[in-house]
Amino acid sequence: MNLEIIKLGRMDYKEALELQTQLWQKVSSGEGRDTLLLVEHPPVITLGVRGVQEHILLPEEERTRLGVSTVQVSRGGDVTYHGPGQIVGYPIMNLNRWGRDIHDFVRRIENTFITLLMDDYGIRAERGDKTYTGVWVGMEKITAIGIQVKKWTTMHGFAFNVNTDLSHFQWIVPCGLSDRGVTSLEKLTGLRQDMDKLFQRTAEAFCSCFQAE
């Protein structure tokens, strides 16, 4: 599979967004390889195209004091939190090479984490529906998914809670849903996880689920 994996380490959200945009221009024009960026962000709140300002519960002065940035983005969905202990993935992929099937693209992302959680930890996770998108363990979301597709080329992607400080989700109404919760691998296993290992396993599981059929 002609997919490049780039691990960025810890990077500011806006810096990673600029890199995404540059890669999207190359991949959408056919000049660049499909690429998965893997990154960990400092605390940031993002609003998608359906973002509701009132779903940000942390006052602006508190965000400033805590150093939490707020960014309006062009992905689908509402309000999302990214922060330390979370693996964020940005697949920049030309769907002309993948049958122009957006639903299949999202299904493969979901299967990445459903498979990883079951194979490595014996944790049964499920994909959500149109209301509850992402990957869920019971009533709690462990992986959020929000993408944008232009010229059949994807941007944005997923956020997998590994050692994430779940109290930070109290700063927002996650994805506009107030009747369900969030979880992390650390919470589910009771153990602090090795982030380097999980970055590697996420890359491997993603590649496995995107093998050409």
C-alpha atoms as a PDB file:
ATOM      1  CA  MET A   1       0.000   0.000   0.000  1.00  0.00           C
ATOM      2  CA  ASN A   2       1.404   3.369  -1.045  1.00  0.00           C
ATOM      3  CA  LEU A   3       0.638   5.151   2.234  1.00  0.00           C
ATOM      4  CA  GLU A   4       3.176   7.299   4.062  1.00  0.00           C
ATOM      5  CA  ILE A   5       3.031   7.493   7.865  1.00  0.00           C
ATOM      6  CA  ILE A   6       4.451  10.658   9.445  1.00  0.00           C
ATOM      7  CA  LYS A   7       4.716  10.853  13.239  1.00  0.00           C
ATOM      8  CA  LEU A   8       4.878  14.505  14.241  1.00  0.00           C
ATOM      9  CA  GLY A   9       5.175  14.111  18.011  1.00  0.00           C
ATOM     10  CA  ARG A  10       3.779  17.042  20.030  1.00  0.00           C
ATOM     11  CA  MET A  11       2.708  19.885  17.726  1.00  0.00           C
ATOM     12  CA  ASP A  12       0.506  22.969  17.972  1.00  0.00           C
ATOM     13  CA  TYR A  13      -2.892  22.450  16.321  1.00  0.00           C
ATOM     14  CA  LYS A  14      -2.594  25.378  13.892  1.00  0.00           C
ATOM     15  CA  GLU A  15       0.865  24.249  12.789  1.00  0.00           C
ATOM     16  CA  ALA A  16      -0.459  20.764  12.084  1.00  0.00           C
ATOM     17  CA  LEU A  17      -3.450  22.242  10.234  1.00  0.00           C
ATOM     18  CA  GLU A  18      -1.110  24.190   7.968  1.00  0.00           C
ATOM     19  CA  LEU A  19       0.836  21.014   7.235  1.00  0.00           C
ATOM     20  CA  GLN A  20      -2.423  19.200   6.468  1.00  0.00           C
ATOM     21  CA  THR A  21      -3.390  21.929   4.010  1.00  0.00           C
ATOM     22  CA  GLN A  22      -0.051  21.764   2.220  1.00  0.00           C
ATOM     23  CA  LEU A  23      -0.269  17.990   1.921  1.00  0.00           C
ATOM     24  CA  TRP A  24      -3.899  18.139   0.788  1.00  0.00           C
ATOM     25  CA  GLN A  25      -2.927  20.393  -2.108  1.00  0.00           C
ATOM     26  CA  LYS A  26      -0.314  17.878  -3.270  1.00  0.00           C
ATOM     27  CA  VAL A  27      -2.416  14.754  -2.746  1.00  0.00           C
ATOM     28  CA  SER A  28      -5.583  16.189  -4.308  1.00  0.00           C
ATOM     29  CA  SER A  29      -3.633  17.195  -7.422  1.00  0.00           C
ATOM     30  CA  GLY A  30      -2.170  13.696  -7.744  1.00  0.00           C
ATOM     31  CA  GLU A  31       1.360  14.905  -7.004  1.00  0.00           C
ATOM     32  CA  GLY A  32       1.626  13.530  -3.482  1.00  0.00           C
ATOM     33  CA  ARG A  33       1.268  10.152  -1.771  1.00  0.00           C
ATOM     34  CA  ASP A  34      -1.628   9.331   0.516  1.00  0.00           C
ATOM     35  CA  THR A  35      -0.364  10.264   3.990  1.00  0.00           C
ATOM     36  CA  LEU A  36      -1.377   9.652   7.598  1.00  0.00           C
ATOM     37  CA  LEU A  37      -0.160  12.302  10.035  1.00  0.00           C
ATOM     38  CA  LEU A  38      -0.045  11.150  13.675  1.00  0.00           C
ATOM     39  CA  VAL A  39       0.264  13.866  16.303  1.00  0.00           C
ATOM     40  CA  GLU A  40      -0.340  14.820  19.923  1.00  0.00           C
ATOM     41  CA  HIS A  41      -1.612  18.348  20.568  1.00  0.00           C
ATOM     42  CA  PRO A  42      -1.388  20.763  23.494  1.00  0.00           C
ATOM     43  CA  PRO A  43      -4.911  21.492  24.840  1.00  0.00           C
ATOM     44  CA  VAL A  44      -7.137  22.921  22.092  1.00  0.00           C
ATOM     45  CA  ILE A  45     -10.867  23.224  21.456  1.00  0.00           C
ATOM     46  CA  THR A  46     -11.996  23.057  17.833  1.00  0.00           C
ATOM     47  CA  LEU A  47     -15.350  23.948  16.295  1.00  0.00           C
ATOM     48  CA  GLY A  48     -16.490  22.152  13.145  1.00  0.00           C
ATOM     49  CA  VAL A  49     -18.844  23.482  10.491  1.00  0.00           C
ATOM     50  CA  ARG A  50     -21.829  22.723  12.738  1.00  0.00           C
ATOM     51  CA  GLY A  51     -20.049  24.013  15.826  1.00  0.00           C
ATOM     52  CA  VAL A  52     -22.176  25.777  18.418  1.00  0.00           C
ATOM     53  CA  GLN A  53     -20.330  28.380  20.474  1.00  0.00           C
ATOM     54  CA  GLU A  54     -22.505  27.598  23.498  1.00  0.00           C
ATOM     55  CA  HIS A  55     -21.092  24.058  23.515  1.00  0.00           C
ATOM     56  CA  ILE A  56     -17.799  25.548  24.753  1.00  0.00           C
ATOM     57  CA  LEU A  57     -18.413  25.617  28.507  1.00  0.00           C
ATOM     58  CA  LEU A  58     -15.017  26.943  29.619  1.00  0.00           C
ATOM     59  CA  PRO A  59     -15.144  30.780  29.748  1.00  0.00           C
ATOM     60  CA  GLU A  60     -12.768  32.632  27.463  1.00  0.00           C
ATOM     61  CA  GLU A  61     -10.803  34.129  30.352  1.00  0.00           C
ATOM     62  CA  GLU A  62     -10.242  30.640  31.786  1.00  0.00           C
ATOM     63  CA  ARG A  63      -9.104  29.361  28.406  1.00  0.00           C
ATOM     64  CA  THR A  64      -6.604  32.201  28.248  1.00  0.00           C
ATOM     65  CA  ARG A  65      -5.369  31.523  31.779  1.00  0.00           C
ATOM     66  CA  LEU A  66      -4.952  27.798  31.091  1.00  0.00           C
ATOM     67  CA  GLY A  67      -3.405  28.311  27.660  1.00  0.00           C
ATOM     68  CA  VAL A  68      -6.214  26.500  25.842  1.00  0.00           C
ATOM     69  CA  SER A  69      -6.577  27.704  22.261  1.00  0.00           C
ATOM     70  CA  THR A  70      -9.838  27.723  20.293  1.00  0.00           C
ATOM     71  CA  VAL A  71      -9.844  27.120  16.535  1.00  0.00           C
ATOM     72  CA  GLN A  72     -12.652  27.205  13.946  1.00  0.00           C
ATOM     73  CA  VAL A  73     -12.120  24.452  11.361  1.00  0.00           C
ATOM     74  CA  SER A  74     -13.788  23.150   8.211  1.00  0.00           C
ATOM     75  CA  ARG A  75     -14.326  19.525   9.245  1.00  0.00           C
ATOM     76  CA  GLY A  76     -17.755  18.086   9.905  1.00  0.00           C
ATOM     77  CA  GLY A  77     -19.194  17.949  13.390  1.00  0.00           C
ATOM     78  CA  ASP A  78     -19.525  20.235  16.369  1.00  0.00           C
ATOM     79  CA  VAL A  79     -17.067  20.911  19.223  1.00  0.00           C
ATOM     80  CA  THR A  80     -14.057  18.678  19.932  1.00  0.00           C
ATOM     81  CA  TYR A  81     -11.235  18.705  22.477  1.00  0.00           C
ATOM     82  CA  HIS A  82      -7.664  17.623  21.715  1.00  0.00           C
ATOM     83  CA  GLY A  83      -4.914  17.382  24.284  1.00  0.00           C
ATOM     84  CA  PRO A  84      -1.984  15.463  25.738  1.00  0.00           C
ATOM     85  CA  GLY A  85      -2.438  11.702  25.964  1.00  0.00           C
ATOM     86  CA  GLN A  86      -4.595  11.631  22.843  1.00  0.00           C
ATOM     87  CA  ILE A  87      -3.488  10.211  19.494  1.00  0.00           C
ATOM     88  CA  VAL A  88      -4.786  12.413  16.691  1.00  0.00           C
ATOM     89  CA  GLY A  89      -4.634  11.149  13.121  1.00  0.00           C
ATOM     90  CA  TYR A  90      -5.039  13.134   9.933  1.00  0.00           C
ATOM     91  CA  PRO A  91      -5.388  10.905   6.848  1.00  0.00           C
ATOM     92  CA  ILE A  92      -4.730  12.964   3.715  1.00  0.00           C
ATOM     93  CA  MET A  93      -6.004  10.473   1.152  1.00  0.00           C
ATOM     94  CA  ASN A  94      -7.234  10.748  -2.426  1.00  0.00           C
ATOM     95  CA  LEU A  95     -10.451   8.722  -2.542  1.00  0.00           C
ATOM     96  CA  ASN A  96     -10.150   8.388  -6.304  1.00  0.00           C
ATOM     97  CA  ARG A  97      -7.752   5.599  -5.312  1.00  0.00           C
ATOM     98  CA  TRP A  98     -10.317   4.142  -2.896  1.00  0.00           C
ATOM     99  CA  GLY A  99     -13.484   3.850  -4.954  1.00  0.00           C
ATOM    100  CA  ARG A 100     -14.806   7.335  -4.127  1.00  0.00           C
ATOM    101  CA  ASP A 101     -16.659   5.843  -1.158  1.00  0.00           C
ATOM    102  CA  ILE A 102     -16.743   8.187   1.855  1.00  0.00           C
ATOM    103  CA  HIS A 103     -18.783   5.772   3.972  1.00  0.00           C
ATOM    104  CA  ASP A 104     -16.239   3.010   3.362  1.00  0.00           C
ATOM    105  CA  PHE A 105     -13.412   5.405   4.267  1.00  0.00           C
ATOM    106  CA  VAL A 106     -15.048   6.207   7.624  1.00  0.00           C
ATOM    107  CA  ARG A 107     -15.833   2.515   8.208  1.00  0.00           C
ATOM    108  CA  ARG A 108     -12.156   1.654   7.786  1.00  0.00           C
ATOM    109  CA  ILE A 109     -11.169   4.287  10.356  1.00  0.00           C
ATOM    110  CA  GLU A 110     -13.725   2.861  12.778  1.00  0.00           C
ATOM    111  CA  ASN A 111     -12.443  -0.663  12.165  1.00  0.00           C
ATOM    112  CA  THR A 112      -8.907   0.504  12.944  1.00  0.00           C
ATOM    113  CA  PHE A 113      -9.852   1.059  16.586  1.00  0.00           C
ATOM    114  CA  ILE A 114     -12.445  -1.694  16.900  1.00  0.00           C
ATOM    115  CA  THR A 115      -9.772  -4.162  15.795  1.00  0.00           C
ATOM    116  CA  LEU A 116      -6.928  -2.641  17.839  1.00  0.00           C
ATOM    117  CA  LEU A 117      -8.944  -2.581  21.059  1.00  0.00           C
ATOM    118  CA  MET A 118     -10.144  -6.172  20.680  1.00  0.00           C
ATOM    119  CA  ASP A 119      -6.847  -7.688  19.484  1.00  0.00           C
ATOM    120  CA  ASP A 120      -4.580  -5.932  21.987  1.00  0.00           C
ATOM    121  CA  TYR A 121      -6.824  -5.464  25.034  1.00  0.00           C
ATOM    122  CA  GLY A 122      -9.892  -7.677  24.635  1.00  0.00           C
ATOM    123  CA  ILE A 123     -12.074  -4.562  24.710  1.00  0.00           C
ATOM    124  CA  ARG A 124     -15.254  -4.738  22.632  1.00  0.00           C
ATOM    125  CA  ALA A 125     -15.892  -1.446  20.862  1.00  0.00           C
ATOM    126  CA  GLU A 126     -18.583  -0.558  18.338  1.00  0.00           C
ATOM    127  CA  ARG A 127     -19.118   2.031  15.630  1.00  0.00           C
ATOM    128  CA  GLY A 128     -21.741   4.667  16.243  1.00  0.00           C
ATOM    129  CA  ASP A 129     -24.682   5.643  14.066  1.00  0.00           C
ATOM    130  CA  LYS A 130     -25.514   8.927  12.335  1.00  0.00           C
ATOM    131  CA  THR A 131     -26.262  10.563  15.706  1.00  0.00           C
ATOM    132  CA  TYR A 132     -23.434   8.985  17.688  1.00  0.00           C
ATOM    133  CA  THR A 133     -20.512   8.911  15.270  1.00  0.00           C
ATOM    134  CA  GLY A 134     -17.109   7.565  16.194  1.00  0.00           C
ATOM    135  CA  VAL A 135     -16.075   4.460  18.141  1.00  0.00           C
ATOM    136  CA  TRP A 136     -17.784   3.625  21.416  1.00  0.00           C
ATOM    137  CA  VAL A 137     -17.288   1.333  24.379  1.00  0.00           C
ATOM    138  CA  GLY A 138     -20.770   1.078  25.804  1.00  0.00           C
ATOM    139  CA  MET A 139     -22.139   4.597  26.267  1.00  0.00           C
ATOM    140  CA  GLU A 140     -18.725   6.242  26.202  1.00  0.00           C
ATOM    141  CA  LYS A 141     -16.774   7.421  23.149  1.00  0.00           C
ATOM    142  CA  ILE A 142     -13.125   6.445  22.899  1.00  0.00           C
ATOM    143  CA  THR A 143     -12.429   7.685  19.340  1.00  0.00           C
ATOM    144  CA  ALA A 144     -13.979  10.765  17.740  1.00  0.00           C
ATOM    145  CA  ILE A 145     -14.089  11.027  13.948  1.00  0.00           C
ATOM    146  CA  GLY A 146     -14.608  14.196  11.924  1.00  0.00           C
ATOM    147  CA  ILE A 147     -13.489  14.543   8.328  1.00  0.00           C
ATOM    148  CA  GLN A 148     -13.680  16.916   5.399  1.00  0.00           C
ATOM    149  CA  VAL A 149     -13.643  15.817   1.760  1.00  0.00           C
ATOM    150  CA  LYS A 150     -12.803  18.221  -1.060  1.00  0.00           C
ATOM    151  CA  LYS A 151     -11.946  17.137  -4.606  1.00  0.00           C
ATOM    152  CA  TRP A 152     -12.340  13.581  -3.301  1.00  0.00           C
ATOM    153  CA  THR A 153      -9.383  14.115  -0.965  1.00  0.00           C
ATOM    154  CA  THR A 154      -9.727  13.877   2.807  1.00  0.00           C
ATOM    155  CA  MET A 155      -8.582  16.141   5.647  1.00  0.00           C
ATOM    156  CA  HIS A 156      -8.954  16.071   9.428  1.00  0.00           C
ATOM    157  CA  GLY A 157      -9.618  12.628  10.882  1.00  0.00           C
ATOM    158  CA  PHE A 158      -9.721  10.939  14.287  1.00  0.00           C
ATOM    159  CA  ALA A 159      -8.843  11.448  17.944  1.00  0.00           C
ATOM    160  CA  PHE A 160      -8.135   8.341  20.052  1.00  0.00           C
ATOM    161  CA  ASN A 161      -8.192   8.796  23.831  1.00  0.00           C
ATOM    162  CA  VAL A 162      -5.266   6.901  25.327  1.00  0.00           C
ATOM    163  CA  ASN A 163      -4.039   8.695  28.486  1.00  0.00           C
ATOM    164  CA  THR A 164      -6.235  11.750  27.940  1.00  0.00           C
ATOM    165  CA  ASP A 165      -7.258  13.810  30.984  1.00  0.00           C
ATOM    166  CA  LEU A 166     -10.988  13.138  30.713  1.00  0.00           C
ATOM    167  CA  SER A 167     -11.827  16.013  33.055  1.00  0.00           C
ATOM    168  CA  HIS A 168     -10.924  18.356  30.180  1.00  0.00           C
ATOM    169  CA  PHE A 169     -14.020  17.168  28.312  1.00  0.00           C
ATOM    170  CA  GLN A 170     -16.005  19.054  30.946  1.00  0.00           C
ATOM    171  CA  TRP A 171     -14.828  22.184  29.126  1.00  0.00           C
ATOM    172  CA  ILE A 172     -17.164  21.348  26.232  1.00  0.00           C
ATOM    173  CA  VAL A 173     -20.298  19.464  25.240  1.00  0.00           C
ATOM    174  CA  PRO A 174     -18.379  16.799  23.262  1.00  0.00           C
ATOM    175  CA  CYS A 175     -19.665  16.731  19.676  1.00  0.00           C
ATOM    176  CA  GLY A 176     -22.842  18.391  20.953  1.00  0.00           C
ATOM    177  CA  LEU A 177     -23.908  15.265  22.869  1.00  0.00           C
ATOM    178  CA  SER A 178     -24.816  15.786  26.508  1.00  0.00           C
ATOM    179  CA  ASP A 179     -26.356  12.338  27.141  1.00  0.00           C
ATOM    180  CA  ARG A 180     -23.243  10.224  26.629  1.00  0.00           C
ATOM    181  CA  GLY A 181     -19.724  10.230  28.016  1.00  0.00           C
ATOM    182  CA  VAL A 182     -16.112   9.802  26.938  1.00  0.00           C
ATOM    183  CA  THR A 183     -13.546   7.246  27.965  1.00  0.00           C
ATOM    184  CA  SER A 184      -9.882   6.433  27.427  1.00  0.00           C
ATOM    185  CA  LEU A 185      -7.706   3.348  27.183  1.00  0.00           C
ATOM    186  CA  GLU A 186      -6.144   4.274  30.522  1.00  0.00           C
ATOM    187  CA  LYS A 187      -9.583   4.373  32.162  1.00  0.00           C
ATOM    188  CA  LEU A 188     -10.691   1.082  30.614  1.00  0.00           C
ATOM    189  CA  THR A 189      -7.511  -0.821  31.546  1.00  0.00           C
ATOM    190  CA  GLY A 190      -6.690   0.958  34.803  1.00  0.00           C
ATOM    191  CA  LEU A 191      -3.131   1.364  33.530  1.00  0.00           C
ATOM    192  CA  ARG A 192      -1.148   4.292  32.178  1.00  0.00           C
ATOM    193  CA  GLN A 193      -0.339   3.432  28.574  1.00  0.00           C
ATOM    194  CA  ASP A 194       2.908   3.693  26.599  1.00  0.00           C
ATOM    195  CA  MET A 195       2.172   6.420  24.040  1.00  0.00           C
ATOM    196  CA  ASP A 196       5.040   5.473  21.728  1.00  0.00           C
ATOM    197  CA  LYS A 197       3.711   1.915  21.562  1.00  0.00           C
ATOM    198  CA  LEU A 198       0.161   3.127  20.893  1.00  0.00           C
ATOM    199  CA  PHE A 199       1.301   5.482  18.129  1.00  0.00           C
ATOM    200  CA  GLN A 200       2.985   2.493  16.468  1.00  0.00           C
ATOM    201  CA  ARG A 201      -0.011   0.194  16.962  1.00  0.00           C
ATOM    202  CA  THR A 202      -2.391   2.850  15.624  1.00  0.00           C
ATOM    203  CA  ALA A 203      -0.264   3.172  12.482  1.00  0.00           C
ATOM    204  CA  GLU A 204      -0.169  -0.610  12.037  1.00  0.00           C
ATOM    205  CA  ALA A 205      -3.901  -1.067  12.604  1.00  0.00           C
ATOM    206  CA  PHE A 206      -4.721   1.803  10.253  1.00  0.00           C
ATOM    207  CA  CYS A 207      -2.562   0.342   7.490  1.00  0.00           C
ATOM    208  CA  SER A 208      -4.133  -3.072   8.002  1.00  0.00           C
ATOM    209  CA  CYS A 209      -7.657  -1.684   7.655  1.00  0.00           C
ATOM    210  CA  PHE A 210      -6.669   0.258   4.525  1.00  0.00           C
ATOM    211  CA  GLN A 211      -5.101  -2.609   2.663  1.00  0.00           C
ATOM    212  CA  ALA A 212      -6.447  -2.591  -0.900  1.00  0.00           C
ATOM    213  CA  GLU A 213      -9.249  -5.106  -1.307  1.00  0.00           C
END
